Amino acid sequence: MTNHFGEGLMDGVKCYEPCPAGDMQRYCLDYRRGYVCGFAYSLGKRIDDRYLAACRAGELARQYGLAREAIAEFFLSSEDSQLQYYYYHGYERI
């Protein structure tokens, strides 16, 4: 059984720039969810700004055809409730 979410997560972590939305459409929703989470994690570490990374993840989730709530839980943290706000802001601003 293939772990599409895990594959997407690892591919997202490796990417410096996000995959174009048109190219992402060939992947299943679980892969896309993983990719957005991995890319957001990597971006947050690279630029040392988790809020901007959460906002970018929201933008990508919408561009990749994911439902708004598909990865919102990834940004729900007991230590920082603002991350989910920035994710939602990114999703809605496009």
PDB file of N, CA and C in Angstrom:
ATOM      1  N   MET A   1       0.846  -1.178   0.000  1.00  0.00           N
ATOM      2  CA  MET A   1       0.000   0.000   0.000  1.00  0.00           C
ATOM      3  C   MET A   1       0.892   1.243   0.000  1.00  0.00           C
ATOM      4  N   THR A   2       0.619   2.149  -0.873  1.00  0.00           N
ATOM      5  CA  THR A   2       1.434   3.351  -1.036  1.00  0.00           C
ATOM      6  C   THR A   2       0.992   4.437  -0.065  1.00  0.00           C
ATOM      7  N   ASN A   3       1.968   5.100   0.529  1.00  0.00           N
ATOM      8  CA  ASN A   3       1.701   6.219   1.434  1.00  0.00           C
ATOM      9  C   ASN A   3       1.849   7.512   0.634  1.00  0.00           C
ATOM     10  N   HIS A   4       0.782   7.927   0.001  1.00  0.00           N
ATOM     11  CA  HIS A   4       0.825   9.113  -0.851  1.00  0.00           C
ATOM     12  C   HIS A   4       1.106  10.381  -0.048  1.00  0.00           C
ATOM     13  N   PHE A   5       0.515  10.490   1.147  1.00  0.00           N
ATOM     14  CA  PHE A   5       0.765  11.659   1.986  1.00  0.00           C
ATOM     15  C   PHE A   5       2.250  11.753   2.325  1.00  0.00           C
ATOM     16  N   GLY A   6       2.850  10.650   2.721  1.00  0.00           N
ATOM     17  CA  GLY A   6       4.273  10.633   3.072  1.00  0.00           C
ATOM     18  C   GLY A   6       5.168  10.991   1.897  1.00  0.00           C
ATOM     19  N   GLU A   7       4.826  10.481   0.718  1.00  0.00           N
ATOM     20  CA  GLU A   7       5.607  10.818  -0.478  1.00  0.00           C
ATOM     21  C   GLU A   7       5.511  12.311  -0.780  1.00  0.00           C
ATOM     22  N   GLY A   8       4.307  12.850  -0.699  1.00  0.00           N
ATOM     23  CA  GLY A   8       4.116  14.280  -0.934  1.00  0.00           C
ATOM     24  C   GLY A   8       4.853  15.113   0.095  1.00  0.00           C
ATOM     25  N   LEU A   9       4.808  14.683   1.344  1.00  0.00           N
ATOM     26  CA  LEU A   9       5.495  15.389   2.421  1.00  0.00           C
ATOM     27  C   LEU A   9       6.992  15.480   2.144  1.00  0.00           C
ATOM     28  N   MET A  10       7.588  14.359   1.801  1.00  0.00           N
ATOM     29  CA  MET A  10       9.033  14.344   1.542  1.00  0.00           C
ATOM     30  C   MET A  10       9.390  15.154   0.298  1.00  0.00           C
ATOM     31  N   ASP A  11       8.573  15.079  -0.735  1.00  0.00           N
ATOM     32  CA  ASP A  11       8.832  15.875  -1.941  1.00  0.00           C
ATOM     33  C   ASP A  11       8.696  17.368  -1.646  1.00  0.00           C
ATOM     34  N   GLY A  12       7.718  17.732  -0.830  1.00  0.00           N
ATOM     35  CA  GLY A  12       7.534  19.133  -0.463  1.00  0.00           C
ATOM     36  C   GLY A  12       8.704  19.678   0.334  1.00  0.00           C
ATOM     37  N   VAL A  13       9.239  18.868   1.234  1.00  0.00           N
ATOM     38  CA  VAL A  13      10.393  19.286   2.044  1.00  0.00           C
ATOM     39  C   VAL A  13      11.605  19.549   1.157  1.00  0.00           C
ATOM     40  N   LYS A  14      11.758  18.774   0.100  1.00  0.00           N
ATOM     41  CA  LYS A  14      12.926  18.889  -0.783  1.00  0.00           C
ATOM     42  C   LYS A  14      12.858  20.088  -1.733  1.00  0.00           C
ATOM     43  N   CYS A  15      11.667  20.611  -1.969  1.00  0.00           N
ATOM     44  CA  CYS A  15      11.496  21.666  -2.974  1.00  0.00           C
ATOM     45  C   CYS A  15      11.825  23.047  -2.426  1.00  0.00           C
ATOM     46  N   TYR A  16      12.519  23.812  -3.251  1.00  0.00           N
ATOM     47  CA  TYR A  16      12.826  25.193  -2.901  1.00  0.00           C
ATOM     48  C   TYR A  16      11.722  26.125  -3.388  1.00  0.00           C
ATOM     49  N   GLU A  17      11.137  25.798  -4.513  1.00  0.00           N
ATOM     50  CA  GLU A  17      10.005  26.541  -5.086  1.00  0.00           C
ATOM     51  C   GLU A  17       8.835  25.570  -5.215  1.00  0.00           C
ATOM     52  N   PRO A  18       7.605  26.036  -5.015  1.00  0.00           N
ATOM     53  CA  PRO A  18       6.463  25.126  -5.113  1.00  0.00           C
ATOM     54  C   PRO A  18       6.213  24.658  -6.546  1.00  0.00           C
ATOM     55  N   CYS A  19       5.667  23.480  -6.646  1.00  0.00           N
ATOM     56  CA  CYS A  19       5.299  22.896  -7.933  1.00  0.00           C
ATOM     57  C   CYS A  19       4.149  23.713  -8.532  1.00  0.00           C
ATOM     58  N   PRO A  20       4.173  23.989  -9.834  1.00  0.00           N
ATOM     59  CA  PRO A  20       3.057  24.712 -10.460  1.00  0.00           C
ATOM     60  C   PRO A  20       1.737  23.952 -10.284  1.00  0.00           C
ATOM     61  N   ALA A  21       0.658  24.684 -10.130  1.00  0.00           N
ATOM     62  CA  ALA A  21      -0.652  24.083  -9.875  1.00  0.00           C
ATOM     63  C   ALA A  21      -1.059  23.111 -10.981  1.00  0.00           C
ATOM     64  N   GLY A  22      -0.758  23.434 -12.214  1.00  0.00           N
ATOM     65  CA  GLY A  22      -1.105  22.549 -13.320  1.00  0.00           C
ATOM     66  C   GLY A  22      -0.412  21.204 -13.233  1.00  0.00           C
ATOM     67  N   ASP A  23       0.831  21.197 -12.796  1.00  0.00           N
ATOM     68  CA  ASP A  23       1.576  19.948 -12.641  1.00  0.00           C
ATOM     69  C   ASP A  23       1.064  19.130 -11.462  1.00  0.00           C
ATOM     70  N   MET A  24       0.570  19.802 -10.442  1.00  0.00           N
ATOM     71  CA  MET A  24       0.125  19.121  -9.226  1.00  0.00           C
ATOM     72  C   MET A  24      -1.186  18.371  -9.431  1.00  0.00           C
ATOM     73  N   GLN A  25      -1.951  18.731 -10.443  1.00  0.00           N
ATOM     74  CA  GLN A  25      -3.268  18.128 -10.654  1.00  0.00           C
ATOM     75  C   GLN A  25      -3.198  16.637 -10.969  1.00  0.00           C
ATOM     76  N   ARG A  26      -2.059  16.147 -11.391  1.00  0.00           N
ATOM     77  CA  ARG A  26      -1.950  14.718 -11.720  1.00  0.00           C
ATOM     78  C   ARG A  26      -1.799  13.845 -10.480  1.00  0.00           C
ATOM     79  N   TYR A  27      -1.594  14.479  -9.325  1.00  0.00           N
ATOM     80  CA  TYR A  27      -1.414  13.742  -8.072  1.00  0.00           C
ATOM     81  C   TYR A  27      -2.724  13.669  -7.296  1.00  0.00           C
ATOM     82  N   CYS A  28      -2.843  12.644  -6.464  1.00  0.00           N
ATOM     83  CA  CYS A  28      -4.049  12.489  -5.643  1.00  0.00           C
ATOM     84  C   CYS A  28      -4.070  13.532  -4.521  1.00  0.00           C
ATOM     85  N   LEU A  29      -5.224  13.682  -3.888  1.00  0.00           N
ATOM     86  CA  LEU A  29      -5.391  14.696  -2.845  1.00  0.00           C
ATOM     87  C   LEU A  29      -4.481  14.450  -1.645  1.00  0.00           C
ATOM     88  N   ASP A  30      -4.261  13.188  -1.271  1.00  0.00           N
ATOM     89  CA  ASP A  30      -3.369  12.905  -0.140  1.00  0.00           C
ATOM     90  C   ASP A  30      -1.941  13.344  -0.437  1.00  0.00           C
ATOM     91  N   TYR A  31      -1.489  13.105  -1.659  1.00  0.00           N
ATOM     92  CA  TYR A  31      -0.147  13.552  -2.034  1.00  0.00           C
ATOM     93  C   TYR A  31      -0.058  15.074  -1.948  1.00  0.00           C
ATOM     94  N   ARG A  32      -1.065  15.759  -2.467  1.00  0.00           N
ATOM     95  CA  ARG A  32      -1.066  17.227  -2.444  1.00  0.00           C
ATOM     96  C   ARG A  32      -1.061  17.760  -1.016  1.00  0.00           C
ATOM     97  N   ARG A  33      -1.855  17.143  -0.141  1.00  0.00           N
ATOM     98  CA  ARG A  33      -1.866  17.549   1.269  1.00  0.00           C
ATOM     99  C   ARG A  33      -0.466  17.413   1.869  1.00  0.00           C
ATOM    100  N   GLY A  34       0.157  16.281   1.637  1.00  0.00           N
ATOM    101  CA  GLY A  34       1.500  16.064   2.161  1.00  0.00           C
ATOM    102  C   GLY A  34       2.500  17.047   1.593  1.00  0.00           C
ATOM    103  N   TYR A  35       2.383  17.305   0.310  1.00  0.00           N
ATOM    104  CA  TYR A  35       3.307  18.232  -0.345  1.00  0.00           C
ATOM    105  C   TYR A  35       3.211  19.625   0.270  1.00  0.00           C
ATOM    106  N   VAL A  36       1.995  20.109   0.467  1.00  0.00           N
ATOM    107  CA  VAL A  36       1.811  21.448   1.041  1.00  0.00           C
ATOM    108  C   VAL A  36       2.376  21.495   2.461  1.00  0.00           C
ATOM    109  N   CYS A  37       2.113  20.474   3.254  1.00  0.00           N
ATOM    110  CA  CYS A  37       2.649  20.437   4.623  1.00  0.00           C
ATOM    111  C   CYS A  37       4.170  20.415   4.614  1.00  0.00           C
ATOM    112  N   GLY A  38       4.759  19.583   3.768  1.00  0.00           N
ATOM    113  CA  GLY A  38       6.215  19.501   3.689  1.00  0.00           C
ATOM    114  C   GLY A  38       6.843  20.787   3.191  1.00  0.00           C
ATOM    115  N   PHE A  39       6.238  21.374   2.177  1.00  0.00           N
ATOM    116  CA  PHE A  39       6.775  22.622   1.645  1.00  0.00           C
ATOM    117  C   PHE A  39       6.685  23.732   2.685  1.00  0.00           C
ATOM    118  N   ALA A  40       5.557  23.815   3.387  1.00  0.00           N
ATOM    119  CA  ALA A  40       5.384  24.855   4.408  1.00  0.00           C
ATOM    120  C   ALA A  40       6.394  24.677   5.537  1.00  0.00           C
ATOM    121  N   TYR A  41       6.612  23.443   5.945  1.00  0.00           N
ATOM    122  CA  TYR A  41       7.590  23.182   7.008  1.00  0.00           C
ATOM    123  C   TYR A  41       8.982  23.632   6.572  1.00  0.00           C
ATOM    124  N   SER A  42       9.374  23.225   5.369  1.00  0.00           N
ATOM    125  CA  SER A  42      10.691  23.577   4.838  1.00  0.00           C
ATOM    126  C   SER A  42      10.840  25.087   4.665  1.00  0.00           C
ATOM    127  N   LEU A  43       9.820  25.730   4.123  1.00  0.00           N
ATOM    128  CA  LEU A  43       9.858  27.180   3.921  1.00  0.00           C
ATOM    129  C   LEU A  43       9.981  27.902   5.258  1.00  0.00           C
ATOM    130  N   GLY A  44       9.217  27.475   6.243  1.00  0.00           N
ATOM    131  CA  GLY A  44       9.274  28.096   7.563  1.00  0.00           C
ATOM    132  C   GLY A  44      10.658  28.024   8.179  1.00  0.00           C
ATOM    133  N   LYS A  45      11.331  26.895   7.997  1.00  0.00           N
ATOM    134  CA  LYS A  45      12.699  26.739   8.512  1.00  0.00           C
ATOM    135  C   LYS A  45      13.686  27.609   7.735  1.00  0.00           C
ATOM    136  N   ARG A  46      13.531  27.640   6.414  1.00  0.00           N
ATOM    137  CA  ARG A  46      14.465  28.399   5.570  1.00  0.00           C
ATOM    138  C   ARG A  46      14.415  29.889   5.839  1.00  0.00           C
ATOM    139  N   ILE A  47      13.219  30.432   5.952  1.00  0.00           N
ATOM    140  CA  ILE A  47      13.089  31.884   6.099  1.00  0.00           C
ATOM    141  C   ILE A  47      12.882  32.308   7.550  1.00  0.00           C
ATOM    142  N   ASP A  48      12.793  31.332   8.440  1.00  0.00           N
ATOM    143  CA  ASP A  48      12.599  31.585   9.873  1.00  0.00           C
ATOM    144  C   ASP A  48      11.354  32.438  10.128  1.00  0.00           C
ATOM    145  N   ASP A  49      10.273  32.090   9.429  1.00  0.00           N
ATOM    146  CA  ASP A  49       9.006  32.806   9.604  1.00  0.00           C
ATOM    147  C   ASP A  49       7.861  31.819   9.384  1.00  0.00           C
ATOM    148  N   ARG A  50       7.384  31.235  10.459  1.00  0.00           N
ATOM    149  CA  ARG A  50       6.318  30.236  10.363  1.00  0.00           C
ATOM    150  C   ARG A  50       5.000  30.855   9.905  1.00  0.00           C
ATOM    151  N   TYR A  51       4.792  32.135  10.199  1.00  0.00           N
ATOM    152  CA  TYR A  51       3.546  32.791   9.808  1.00  0.00           C
ATOM    153  C   TYR A  51       3.462  32.953   8.294  1.00  0.00           C
ATOM    154  N   LEU A  52       4.539  33.387   7.685  1.00  0.00           N
ATOM    155  CA  LEU A  52       4.563  33.523   6.230  1.00  0.00           C
ATOM    156  C   LEU A  52       4.436  32.151   5.570  1.00  0.00           C
ATOM    157  N   ALA A  53       5.067  31.145   6.151  1.00  0.00           N
ATOM    158  CA  ALA A  53       4.970  29.788   5.613  1.00  0.00           C
ATOM    159  C   ALA A  53       3.532  29.275   5.700  1.00  0.00           C
ATOM    160  N   ALA A  54       2.843  29.559   6.792  1.00  0.00           N
ATOM    161  CA  ALA A  54       1.447  29.139   6.936  1.00  0.00           C
ATOM    162  C   ALA A  54       0.562  29.850   5.912  1.00  0.00           C
ATOM    163  N   CYS A  55       0.817  31.115   5.692  1.00  0.00           N
ATOM    164  CA  CYS A  55       0.065  31.887   4.699  1.00  0.00           C
ATOM    165  C   CYS A  55       0.297  31.311   3.298  1.00  0.00           C
ATOM    166  N   ARG A  56       1.528  31.008   2.984  1.00  0.00           N
ATOM    167  CA  ARG A  56       1.863  30.431   1.671  1.00  0.00           C
ATOM    168  C   ARG A  56       1.216  29.061   1.510  1.00  0.00           C
ATOM    169  N   ALA A  57       1.163  28.294   2.592  1.00  0.00           N
ATOM    170  CA  ALA A  57       0.509  26.983   2.542  1.00  0.00           C
ATOM    171  C   ALA A  57      -0.968  27.131   2.210  1.00  0.00           C
ATOM    172  N   GLY A  58      -1.608  28.143   2.762  1.00  0.00           N
ATOM    173  CA  GLY A  58      -3.010  28.394   2.432  1.00  0.00           C
ATOM    174  C   GLY A  58      -3.196  28.713   0.962  1.00  0.00           C
ATOM    175  N   GLU A  59      -2.301  29.518   0.429  1.00  0.00           N
ATOM    176  CA  GLU A  59      -2.364  29.854  -0.999  1.00  0.00           C
ATOM    177  C   GLU A  59      -2.206  28.602  -1.850  1.00  0.00           C
ATOM    178  N   LEU A  60      -1.214  27.780  -1.505  1.00  0.00           N
ATOM    179  CA  LEU A  60      -0.960  26.563  -2.282  1.00  0.00           C
ATOM    180  C   LEU A  60      -2.121  25.581  -2.173  1.00  0.00           C
ATOM    181  N   ALA A  61      -2.670  25.435  -0.985  1.00  0.00           N
ATOM    182  CA  ALA A  61      -3.797  24.515  -0.804  1.00  0.00           C
ATOM    183  C   ALA A  61      -4.942  24.891  -1.741  1.00  0.00           C
ATOM    184  N   ARG A  62      -5.221  26.150  -1.829  1.00  0.00           N
ATOM    185  CA  ARG A  62      -6.310  26.593  -2.713  1.00  0.00           C
ATOM    186  C   ARG A  62      -5.940  26.379  -4.180  1.00  0.00           C
ATOM    187  N   GLN A  63      -4.713  26.736  -4.556  1.00  0.00           N
ATOM    188  CA  GLN A  63      -4.273  26.561  -5.944  1.00  0.00           C
ATOM    189  C   GLN A  63      -4.277  25.089  -6.347  1.00  0.00           C
ATOM    190  N   TYR A  64      -3.985  24.203  -5.399  1.00  0.00           N
ATOM    191  CA  TYR A  64      -3.907  22.772  -5.692  1.00  0.00           C
ATOM    192  C   TYR A  64      -5.259  22.069  -5.588  1.00  0.00           C
ATOM    193  N   GLY A  65      -6.318  22.832  -5.356  1.00  0.00           N
ATOM    194  CA  GLY A  65      -7.656  22.257  -5.325  1.00  0.00           C
ATOM    195  C   GLY A  65      -8.006  21.524  -4.043  1.00  0.00           C
ATOM    196  N   LEU A  66      -7.336  21.850  -2.954  1.00  0.00           N
ATOM    197  CA  LEU A  66      -7.633  21.225  -1.666  1.00  0.00           C
ATOM    198  C   LEU A  66      -8.713  22.020  -0.937  1.00  0.00           C
ATOM    199  N   ALA A  67      -9.531  21.328  -0.187  1.00  0.00           N
ATOM    200  CA  ALA A  67     -10.532  21.997   0.641  1.00  0.00           C
ATOM    201  C   ALA A  67      -9.823  22.808   1.718  1.00  0.00           C
ATOM    202  N   ARG A  68     -10.459  23.868   2.142  1.00  0.00           N
ATOM    203  CA  ARG A  68      -9.859  24.777   3.127  1.00  0.00           C
ATOM    204  C   ARG A  68      -9.427  24.041   4.400  1.00  0.00           C
ATOM    205  N   GLU A  69     -10.220  23.087   4.844  1.00  0.00           N
ATOM    206  CA  GLU A  69      -9.933  22.367   6.088  1.00  0.00           C
ATOM    207  C   GLU A  69      -9.004  21.171   5.890  1.00  0.00           C
ATOM    208  N   ALA A  70      -8.599  20.895   4.666  1.00  0.00           N
ATOM    209  CA  ALA A  70      -7.818  19.690   4.379  1.00  0.00           C
ATOM    210  C   ALA A  70      -6.522  19.604   5.172  1.00  0.00           C
ATOM    211  N   ILE A  71      -5.863  20.731   5.392  1.00  0.00           N
ATOM    212  CA  ILE A  71      -4.614  20.701   6.163  1.00  0.00           C
ATOM    213  C   ILE A  71      -4.584  21.738   7.272  1.00  0.00           C
ATOM    214  N   ALA A  72      -5.727  22.319   7.593  1.00  0.00           N
ATOM    215  CA  ALA A  72      -5.772  23.349   8.639  1.00  0.00           C
ATOM    216  C   ALA A  72      -5.265  22.817   9.973  1.00  0.00           C
ATOM    217  N   GLU A  73      -5.523  21.541  10.259  1.00  0.00           N
ATOM    218  CA  GLU A  73      -5.086  20.966  11.536  1.00  0.00           C
ATOM    219  C   GLU A  73      -3.566  20.949  11.668  1.00  0.00           C
ATOM    220  N   PHE A  74      -2.862  20.930  10.555  1.00  0.00           N
ATOM    221  CA  PHE A  74      -1.400  20.972  10.578  1.00  0.00           C
ATOM    222  C   PHE A  74      -0.917  22.259  11.242  1.00  0.00           C
ATOM    223  N   PHE A  75      -1.697  23.308  11.146  1.00  0.00           N
ATOM    224  CA  PHE A  75      -1.312  24.612  11.691  1.00  0.00           C
ATOM    225  C   PHE A  75      -1.979  24.913  13.032  1.00  0.00           C
ATOM    226  N   LEU A  76      -2.694  23.946  13.577  1.00  0.00           N
ATOM    227  CA  LEU A  76      -3.309  24.108  14.887  1.00  0.00           C
ATOM    228  C   LEU A  76      -2.297  23.677  15.938  1.00  0.00           C
ATOM    229  N   SER A  77      -1.796  24.629  16.673  1.00  0.00           N
ATOM    230  CA  SER A  77      -0.756  24.365  17.656  1.00  0.00           C
ATOM    231  C   SER A  77      -1.146  25.001  18.983  1.00  0.00           C
ATOM    232  N   SER A  78      -0.969  24.260  20.056  1.00  0.00           N
ATOM    233  CA  SER A  78      -1.315  24.802  21.369  1.00  0.00           C
ATOM    234  C   SER A  78      -0.385  25.939  21.764  1.00  0.00           C
ATOM    235  N   GLU A  79       0.807  25.950  21.207  1.00  0.00           N
ATOM    236  CA  GLU A  79       1.772  26.996  21.557  1.00  0.00           C
ATOM    237  C   GLU A  79       1.603  28.269  20.736  1.00  0.00           C
ATOM    238  N   ASP A  80       0.932  28.180  19.588  1.00  0.00           N
ATOM    239  CA  ASP A  80       0.778  29.368  18.749  1.00  0.00           C
ATOM    240  C   ASP A  80      -0.510  29.284  17.935  1.00  0.00           C
ATOM    241  N   SER A  81      -1.552  29.874  18.445  1.00  0.00           N
ATOM    242  CA  SER A  81      -2.854  29.810  17.781  1.00  0.00           C
ATOM    243  C   SER A  81      -2.921  30.677  16.528  1.00  0.00           C
ATOM    244  N   GLN A  82      -1.962  31.551  16.317  1.00  0.00           N
ATOM    245  CA  GLN A  82      -1.979  32.448  15.164  1.00  0.00           C
ATOM    246  C   GLN A  82      -1.631  31.742  13.849  1.00  0.00           C
ATOM    247  N   LEU A  83      -0.959  30.597  13.915  1.00  0.00           N
ATOM    248  CA  LEU A  83      -0.569  29.902  12.686  1.00  0.00           C
ATOM    249  C   LEU A  83      -1.780  29.546  11.831  1.00  0.00           C
ATOM    250  N   GLN A  84      -2.817  29.035  12.469  1.00  0.00           N
ATOM    251  CA  GLN A  84      -4.000  28.659  11.711  1.00  0.00           C
ATOM    252  C   GLN A  84      -4.683  29.892  11.116  1.00  0.00           C
ATOM    253  N   TYR A  85      -4.663  30.992  11.833  1.00  0.00           N
ATOM    254  CA  TYR A  85      -5.212  32.243  11.306  1.00  0.00           C
ATOM    255  C   TYR A  85      -4.483  32.630  10.023  1.00  0.00           C
ATOM    256  N   TYR A  86      -3.160  32.550  10.001  1.00  0.00           N
ATOM    257  CA  TYR A  86      -2.386  32.915   8.815  1.00  0.00           C
ATOM    258  C   TYR A  86      -2.631  31.940   7.667  1.00  0.00           C
ATOM    259  N   TYR A  87      -2.808  30.654   7.997  1.00  0.00           N
ATOM    260  CA  TYR A  87      -3.144  29.677   6.966  1.00  0.00           C
ATOM    261  C   TYR A  87      -4.474  30.057   6.306  1.00  0.00           C
ATOM    262  N   TYR A  88      -5.492  30.334   7.121  1.00  0.00           N
ATOM    263  CA  TYR A  88      -6.799  30.715   6.582  1.00  0.00           C
ATOM    264  C   TYR A  88      -6.711  32.004   5.772  1.00  0.00           C
ATOM    265  N   HIS A  89      -5.927  32.934   6.243  1.00  0.00           N
ATOM    266  CA  HIS A  89      -5.748  34.197   5.517  1.00  0.00           C
ATOM    267  C   HIS A  89      -5.157  33.934   4.128  1.00  0.00           C
ATOM    268  N   GLY A  90      -4.147  33.094   4.060  1.00  0.00           N
ATOM    269  CA  GLY A  90      -3.540  32.752   2.772  1.00  0.00           C
ATOM    270  C   GLY A  90      -4.518  32.051   1.848  1.00  0.00           C
ATOM    271  N   TYR A  91      -5.334  31.170   2.410  1.00  0.00           N
ATOM    272  CA  TYR A  91      -6.300  30.437   1.597  1.00  0.00           C
ATOM    273  C   TYR A  91      -7.348  31.375   1.009  1.00  0.00           C
ATOM    274  N   GLU A  92      -7.783  32.337   1.784  1.00  0.00           N
ATOM    275  CA  GLU A  92      -8.868  33.221   1.359  1.00  0.00           C
ATOM    276  C   GLU A  92      -8.414  34.392   0.497  1.00  0.00           C
ATOM    277  N   ARG A  93      -7.151  34.722   0.513  1.00  0.00           N
ATOM    278  CA  ARG A  93      -6.746  35.959  -0.163  1.00  0.00           C
ATOM    279  C   ARG A  93      -6.546  35.842  -1.665  1.00  0.00           C
ATOM    280  N   ILE A  94      -6.547  34.678  -2.201  1.00  0.00           N
ATOM    281  CA  ILE A  94      -6.379  34.515  -3.656  1.00  0.00           C
ATOM    282  C   ILE A  94      -7.713  34.748  -4.341  1.00  0.00           C
TER     283      ILE A  94
END
